Protein backbone atom coordinates (compact mmCIF):
# COMPACT_ATOMS: atom_id res chain seq x y z
CA UNK A 1 -10.47 15.11 -16.11
CA UNK A 2 -13.52 16.73 -17.82
CA UNK A 3 -15.23 17.40 -21.19
CA UNK A 4 -16.86 15.88 -23.88
CA UNK A 5 -17.05 12.55 -21.85
CA UNK A 6 -18.79 10.59 -24.70
CA UNK A 7 -15.84 11.25 -27.00
CA UNK A 8 -13.43 10.07 -24.92
CA UNK A 9 -13.34 6.73 -25.23
CA UNK A 10 -9.77 5.03 -26.41
CA UNK A 11 -10.52 1.96 -28.46
CA UNK A 12 -7.33 0.26 -27.04
CA UNK A 13 -5.45 -1.72 -23.84
CA UNK A 14 -4.61 0.31 -21.05
CA UNK A 15 -1.86 -0.60 -18.67
CA UNK A 16 -1.54 0.26 -14.71
CA UNK A 17 1.37 -0.46 -12.82
CA UNK A 18 1.42 0.61 -9.05
CA UNK A 19 3.67 0.32 -5.95
CA UNK A 20 3.82 -1.38 -2.54
CA UNK A 21 4.20 1.00 0.51
CA UNK A 22 4.20 1.05 3.96
CA UNK A 23 1.14 1.10 5.72
CA UNK A 24 0.79 2.38 9.26
CA UNK A 25 4.25 3.94 9.40
CA UNK A 26 5.01 2.88 13.03
CA UNK A 27 2.01 4.82 15.08
CA UNK A 28 0.12 5.69 12.20
CA UNK A 29 -2.30 2.80 11.97
CA UNK A 30 -4.39 3.40 9.12
CA UNK A 31 -3.59 6.92 8.85
CA UNK A 32 0.20 6.91 7.66
CA UNK A 33 1.67 5.51 4.78
CA UNK A 34 4.15 5.84 2.18
CA UNK A 35 5.21 4.25 -1.42
CA UNK A 36 8.27 2.43 -1.63
CA UNK A 37 10.08 1.84 -4.67
CA UNK A 38 10.52 -1.64 -6.31
CA UNK A 39 8.25 -4.39 -6.99
CA UNK A 40 4.73 -2.91 -8.65
CA UNK A 41 1.57 -4.69 -9.54
CA UNK A 42 0.83 -4.47 -13.00
CA UNK A 43 -3.26 -4.56 -14.49
CA UNK A 44 -3.69 -4.54 -18.07
CA UNK A 45 -7.60 -3.67 -19.13
CA UNK A 46 -9.31 -3.90 -22.08
CA UNK A 47 -12.72 -4.10 -23.48
CA UNK A 48 -14.69 -7.34 -23.80
CA UNK A 49 -17.72 -9.02 -25.09
CA UNK A 50 -19.51 -10.30 -21.69
CA UNK A 51 -21.04 -7.68 -19.36
CA UNK A 52 -19.10 -6.40 -16.12
CA UNK A 53 -15.96 -7.05 -15.43
CA UNK A 54 -13.70 -10.30 -16.55
CA UNK A 55 -10.43 -11.39 -14.81
CA UNK A 56 -8.72 -13.27 -17.36
CA UNK A 57 -5.39 -13.92 -15.49
CA UNK A 58 -5.71 -13.19 -11.50
CA UNK A 59 -2.05 -12.56 -10.91
CA UNK A 60 -1.25 -15.89 -8.97
CA UNK A 61 -2.54 -19.01 -8.04
CA UNK A 62 -3.79 -18.36 -4.69
CA UNK A 63 -5.83 -15.17 -6.00
CA UNK A 64 -9.62 -15.92 -6.94
CA UNK A 65 -10.23 -15.15 -10.79
CA UNK A 66 -13.93 -14.45 -9.08
CA UNK A 67 -14.44 -11.03 -10.21
CA UNK A 68 -16.59 -10.26 -6.78
CA UNK A 69 -13.17 -11.44 -4.87
CA UNK A 70 -10.61 -9.54 -6.29
CA UNK A 71 -9.80 -6.20 -5.74
CA UNK A 72 -9.13 -5.15 -9.40
CA UNK A 73 -12.04 -6.29 -10.27
CA UNK A 74 -14.09 -5.00 -7.98
CA UNK A 75 -12.38 -1.64 -7.73
CA UNK A 76 -12.74 -1.56 -12.00
CA UNK A 77 -16.44 -2.51 -11.46
CA UNK A 78 -16.89 0.20 -9.32
CA UNK A 79 -15.48 2.60 -11.95
CA UNK A 80 -17.35 1.00 -14.54
CA UNK A 81 -20.39 2.03 -12.10
CA UNK A 82 -19.06 5.84 -11.82
CA UNK A 83 -18.67 6.16 -15.11
CA UNK A 84 -21.70 4.93 -16.54
CA UNK A 85 -23.53 7.50 -14.25
CA UNK A 86 -21.62 10.63 -16.02
CA UNK A 87 -22.97 9.09 -18.67
CA UNK A 88 -19.23 7.51 -20.56
CA UNK A 89 -20.09 5.84 -23.66
CA UNK A 90 -18.65 1.96 -23.05
CA UNK A 91 -16.72 0.57 -26.36
CA UNK A 92 -17.60 -2.80 -25.47
CA UNK A 93 -20.15 -4.69 -23.19
CA UNK A 94 -17.36 -5.16 -20.43
CA UNK A 95 -13.72 -5.37 -19.73
CA UNK A 96 -11.42 -8.15 -19.17
CA UNK A 97 -7.96 -7.66 -16.49
CA UNK A 98 -4.69 -9.12 -16.97
CA UNK A 99 -3.41 -9.15 -13.51
CA UNK A 100 0.11 -9.46 -12.67
CA UNK A 101 1.72 -9.84 -9.35
CA UNK A 102 4.84 -8.16 -8.37
CA UNK A 103 4.32 -7.78 -4.81
CA UNK A 104 3.86 -10.98 -2.09
CA UNK A 105 0.37 -11.90 -0.87
CA UNK A 106 -0.25 -11.22 2.72
CA UNK A 107 3.13 -9.69 3.15
CA UNK A 108 2.32 -6.34 4.86
CA UNK A 109 3.52 -4.36 1.51
CA UNK A 110 0.19 -3.15 0.29
CA UNK A 111 -0.26 -5.72 -2.11
CA UNK A 112 -4.12 -5.49 -2.02
CA UNK A 113 -4.47 -2.27 -2.11
CA UNK A 114 -2.17 -1.55 -5.18
CA UNK A 115 -4.27 -4.66 -7.25
CA UNK A 116 -7.06 -2.36 -6.29
CA UNK A 117 -5.30 1.28 -7.56
CA UNK A 118 -4.28 -0.79 -10.34
CA UNK A 119 -7.17 -1.89 -11.44
CA UNK A 120 -9.22 1.02 -11.35
CA UNK A 121 -6.29 3.02 -12.87
CA UNK A 122 -6.56 1.14 -15.97
CA UNK A 123 -10.11 0.59 -16.42
CA UNK A 124 -10.05 4.50 -15.83
CA UNK A 125 -7.77 5.13 -18.49
CA UNK A 126 -9.31 2.63 -20.94
CA UNK A 127 -12.53 4.72 -20.23
CA UNK A 128 -10.63 7.74 -21.23
CA UNK A 129 -10.20 9.30 -17.83
CA UNK A 130 -13.50 10.13 -16.76
CA UNK A 131 -12.60 9.72 -13.31
CA UNK A 132 -10.78 12.65 -10.84
CA UNK A 133 -8.56 11.26 -8.28
CA UNK A 134 -11.06 11.15 -5.27
CA UNK A 135 -13.13 9.20 -7.38
CA UNK A 136 -10.36 7.02 -8.25
CA UNK A 137 -9.34 6.52 -4.55
CA UNK A 138 -13.35 5.87 -3.22
CA UNK A 139 -13.96 2.89 -5.67
CA UNK A 140 -10.33 1.59 -4.75
CA UNK A 141 -11.26 1.74 -1.05
CA UNK A 142 -14.72 -0.18 -1.92
CA UNK A 143 -12.38 -3.07 -2.87
CA UNK A 144 -10.02 -2.74 -0.03
CA UNK A 145 -12.80 -2.70 2.03
CA UNK A 146 -14.22 -6.21 0.75
CA UNK A 147 -11.07 -7.89 1.22
CA UNK A 148 -8.60 -5.86 3.92
CA UNK A 149 -10.65 -3.44 6.23
CA UNK A 150 -11.87 0.47 5.13
CA UNK A 151 -8.79 2.30 5.52
CA UNK A 152 -6.52 4.36 2.95
CA UNK A 153 -3.07 4.50 4.36
CA UNK A 154 -2.19 1.98 1.74
CA UNK A 155 -4.43 2.67 -1.29
CA UNK A 156 -3.76 6.82 -1.21
CA UNK A 157 0.20 6.35 -1.66
CA UNK A 158 -0.42 3.79 -3.85
CA UNK A 159 -2.18 5.98 -6.21
CA UNK A 160 -0.51 9.06 -5.07
CA UNK A 161 2.84 8.67 -4.12
CA UNK A 162 5.46 9.43 -1.14
CA UNK A 163 3.93 9.75 1.73
CA UNK A 164 0.57 10.45 2.94
CA UNK A 165 -1.28 11.30 5.65
CA UNK A 166 -5.26 10.11 5.72
CA UNK A 167 -7.03 13.11 8.01
CA UNK A 168 -10.22 11.51 7.45
CA UNK A 169 -12.22 9.48 4.81
CA UNK A 170 -15.76 10.80 5.00
CA UNK A 171 -15.13 13.31 3.75
CA UNK A 172 -11.94 12.41 1.95
CA UNK A 173 -9.40 14.80 2.97
CA UNK A 174 -5.51 13.56 2.38
CA UNK A 175 -2.45 15.36 3.26
CA UNK A 176 0.88 15.18 1.16
CA UNK A 177 3.78 15.21 3.31
CA UNK A 178 6.86 15.99 2.41
CA UNK A 179 9.79 13.34 1.91
CA UNK A 180 12.77 14.02 3.93
CA UNK A 181 16.02 13.95 2.25
CA UNK A 182 18.57 10.89 2.58
CA UNK A 183 15.63 8.96 3.80
CA UNK A 184 16.52 4.74 3.13
CA UNK A 185 13.86 1.87 4.12
CA UNK A 186 15.63 -1.15 4.69
CA UNK A 187 12.54 -4.23 4.06
CA UNK A 188 12.60 -7.34 5.94
CA UNK A 189 10.33 -9.91 4.58
CA UNK A 190 10.27 -13.29 6.27
CA UNK A 191 8.93 -16.34 4.75
CA UNK A 192 5.75 -16.17 6.34
CA UNK A 193 2.25 -14.88 5.44
CA UNK A 194 -0.28 -13.01 7.75
CA UNK A 195 -3.80 -11.91 6.43
CA UNK A 196 -4.72 -8.42 7.59
CA UNK A 197 -7.74 -9.75 8.53
CA UNK A 198 -5.98 -11.73 10.95
CA UNK A 199 -3.81 -9.06 12.09
CA UNK A 200 -6.89 -6.57 13.17
CA UNK A 201 -8.24 -9.26 15.18
CA UNK A 202 -5.22 -8.97 17.31
CA UNK A 203 -5.28 -5.54 17.70
CA UNK A 204 -6.85 -4.02 21.10
CA UNK A 205 -10.50 -3.71 21.99
CA UNK A 206 -9.42 -1.10 24.40
CA UNK A 207 -6.53 1.46 24.78
CA UNK A 208 -5.13 3.41 28.01
CA UNK A 209 -5.26 6.83 27.59
CA UNK A 210 -1.39 7.40 28.31
CA UNK A 211 -1.46 4.70 25.39
CA UNK A 212 -3.75 7.17 23.08
CA UNK A 213 -1.72 9.95 24.01
CA UNK A 214 1.85 8.71 23.51
CA UNK A 215 0.78 7.56 19.93
CA UNK A 216 -0.77 11.00 19.21
CA UNK A 217 2.00 12.16 19.86
CA UNK A 218 4.35 10.13 17.81
CA UNK A 219 2.06 10.67 14.84
CA UNK A 220 2.22 14.27 15.53
CA UNK A 221 6.25 13.79 15.78
CA UNK A 222 6.45 12.17 12.22
CA UNK A 223 4.79 14.92 10.61
CA UNK A 224 6.54 17.45 12.10
CA UNK A 225 9.99 15.29 11.14
CA UNK A 226 8.80 15.34 7.31
CA UNK A 227 8.33 19.04 7.07
CA UNK A 228 11.79 19.85 9.15
CA UNK A 229 13.59 17.56 7.31
CA UNK A 230 14.89 15.59 10.66
CA UNK A 231 15.29 11.65 9.81
CA UNK A 232 16.51 11.60 13.97
CA UNK A 233 12.83 12.22 15.00
CA UNK A 234 11.17 10.27 12.23
CA UNK A 235 13.30 7.41 13.76
CA UNK A 236 12.46 8.45 17.63
CA UNK A 237 9.20 8.75 16.63
CA UNK A 238 8.48 5.51 15.13
CA UNK A 239 7.30 3.94 18.37
CA UNK A 240 4.31 2.34 18.20
CA UNK A 241 2.69 1.07 21.47
CA UNK A 242 -0.96 -0.16 20.06
CA UNK A 243 -0.55 -2.09 16.63
CA UNK A 244 3.05 -3.37 17.20
CA UNK A 245 2.83 -5.07 20.46
CA UNK A 246 -0.44 -6.41 19.63
CA UNK A 247 1.43 -8.51 16.21
CA UNK A 248 4.51 -9.16 17.11
CA UNK A 249 3.64 -12.58 18.35
CA UNK A 250 2.24 -13.08 14.80
CA UNK A 251 5.13 -12.70 13.51
CA UNK A 252 8.02 -15.38 14.93
CA UNK A 253 11.71 -13.34 14.85
CA UNK A 254 10.00 -10.30 14.39
CA UNK A 255 11.63 -8.87 17.62
CA UNK A 256 14.94 -10.05 16.93
CA UNK A 257 15.07 -8.29 13.54
CA UNK A 258 13.96 -5.20 15.14
CA UNK A 259 16.82 -5.48 17.75
CA UNK A 260 18.89 -6.37 15.19
CA UNK A 261 18.01 -3.42 12.99
CA UNK A 262 18.42 -1.29 15.80
CA UNK A 263 21.68 -1.99 16.85
CA UNK A 264 23.35 -1.88 13.37
CA UNK A 265 22.08 1.77 13.53
CA UNK A 266 18.83 2.01 12.25
CA UNK A 267 16.95 5.15 13.36
CA UNK A 268 13.88 3.49 14.02
CA UNK A 269 12.41 0.39 12.78
CA UNK A 270 8.40 -1.50 13.19
CA UNK A 271 6.10 -3.68 11.43
CA UNK A 272 5.46 -3.16 7.74
CA UNK A 273 1.07 -2.48 7.90
CA UNK A 274 -0.07 -5.57 8.88
CA UNK A 275 3.00 -8.17 8.50
CA UNK A 276 4.73 -10.11 8.76
CA UNK A 277 7.09 -7.85 6.55
CA UNK A 278 9.44 -5.32 8.96
CA UNK A 279 11.21 -2.08 8.03
CA UNK A 280 14.11 0.39 9.25
CA UNK A 281 14.99 3.55 8.66
CA UNK A 282 18.28 4.97 8.07
CA UNK A 283 19.92 8.18 6.74
CA UNK A 284 22.81 6.48 4.67
CA UNK A 285 22.93 3.74 2.14
CA UNK A 286 26.09 2.12 3.58
CA UNK A 287 24.33 1.78 7.09
CA UNK A 288 20.95 0.57 5.15
CA UNK A 289 22.67 -1.97 3.58
CA UNK A 290 24.72 -2.87 6.75
CA UNK A 291 21.16 -2.90 8.88
CA UNK A 292 19.16 -5.45 5.90
CA UNK A 293 22.31 -7.96 6.24
CA UNK A 294 21.57 -7.52 10.22
CA UNK A 295 18.27 -8.27 9.60
CA UNK A 296 18.91 -11.52 7.82
CA UNK A 297 21.01 -12.76 9.80
CA UNK A 298 18.81 -11.79 12.74
CA UNK A 299 15.70 -14.09 11.07
CA UNK A 300 18.51 -16.83 9.97
CA UNK A 301 19.40 -17.58 13.67
CA UNK A 302 15.72 -18.53 14.08
CA UNK A 303 15.53 -20.61 10.91
CA UNK A 304 13.50 -18.57 9.08
CA UNK A 305 14.16 -17.64 5.42
CA UNK A 306 13.97 -14.03 4.69
CA UNK A 307 14.62 -11.21 1.55
CA UNK A 308 15.98 -8.36 2.40
CA UNK A 309 15.67 -5.32 0.32
CA UNK A 310 17.44 -1.46 0.43
CA UNK A 311 14.62 1.35 -0.95
CA UNK A 312 13.97 4.61 -1.17
CA UNK A 313 10.19 6.16 -1.17
CA UNK A 314 8.20 6.15 -4.55
CA UNK A 315 7.18 9.75 -5.29
CA UNK A 316 5.43 8.83 -8.61
CA UNK A 317 2.48 6.29 -7.35
CA UNK A 318 0.56 4.76 -10.10
CA UNK A 319 1.15 5.26 -13.70
CA UNK A 320 -1.11 4.52 -16.38
CA UNK A 321 -0.30 4.16 -20.09
CA UNK A 322 -1.84 3.32 -23.64
CA UNK A 323 -0.71 -0.05 -25.43
């Protein structure tokens, strides 16, 4: 997206909508992620008569309107800075953002990353799209690093769609993986919140070599399953022996829900991102619906309210349009 940058400044509002996702995808801590069909975060950017980035609506009463603390605004500010370096003309002193949260807060569905990506993409659209995909990822990463940690397993699929492998952040190297045909996802979101910071504190500081070896094999197996269209292998490889054991105790009812999912025919199940959402995979819509019901019953038996959804991988990622 290049050209005469000084002339590419649309004087309209731009809106970006971004999907949530599943981070880690079982054993792929910080390196595997996928976007999911369903609720999206939405950010609208417009020119504003104040310097920098202003948050008109934060999207949720529990989210700050302070632009230094909201991921959409942090990412949008990074976009403005990169655009200035490119010599882009601004049609106003700054920009204002209106955020609509479709994704749960601290729910393990990539909500902070989705807001960051939507903020970056909306701001980029307003400026005439001077930044390329890699620059948008880095601007979004600046926001995610501030609030959740320096990882791309939610940011990359939120922007690009599909399933991705993050081989490296420095230098940036992201590989899009084929989505196995027939893959159905079941999400079970208990009425709990678990911050990414708390979930990361629970991770072990040292890991035995045999566990590392096992984890490497599972990540490789998931990549192989994507390219060979082998959902059974995909399910077997959802065997996380690092993050899941460390975080399971932070998510009351998860162990029972996972067991219920497997008993109902799930090919595999694990924690979505940092949690508390759990996910399971299936190769058939009817079976996926049965798995969702089984997971719901498992949480209910523990007296925990839970919402479930049967969905698929979102291959489109972030969508930007002028208003």
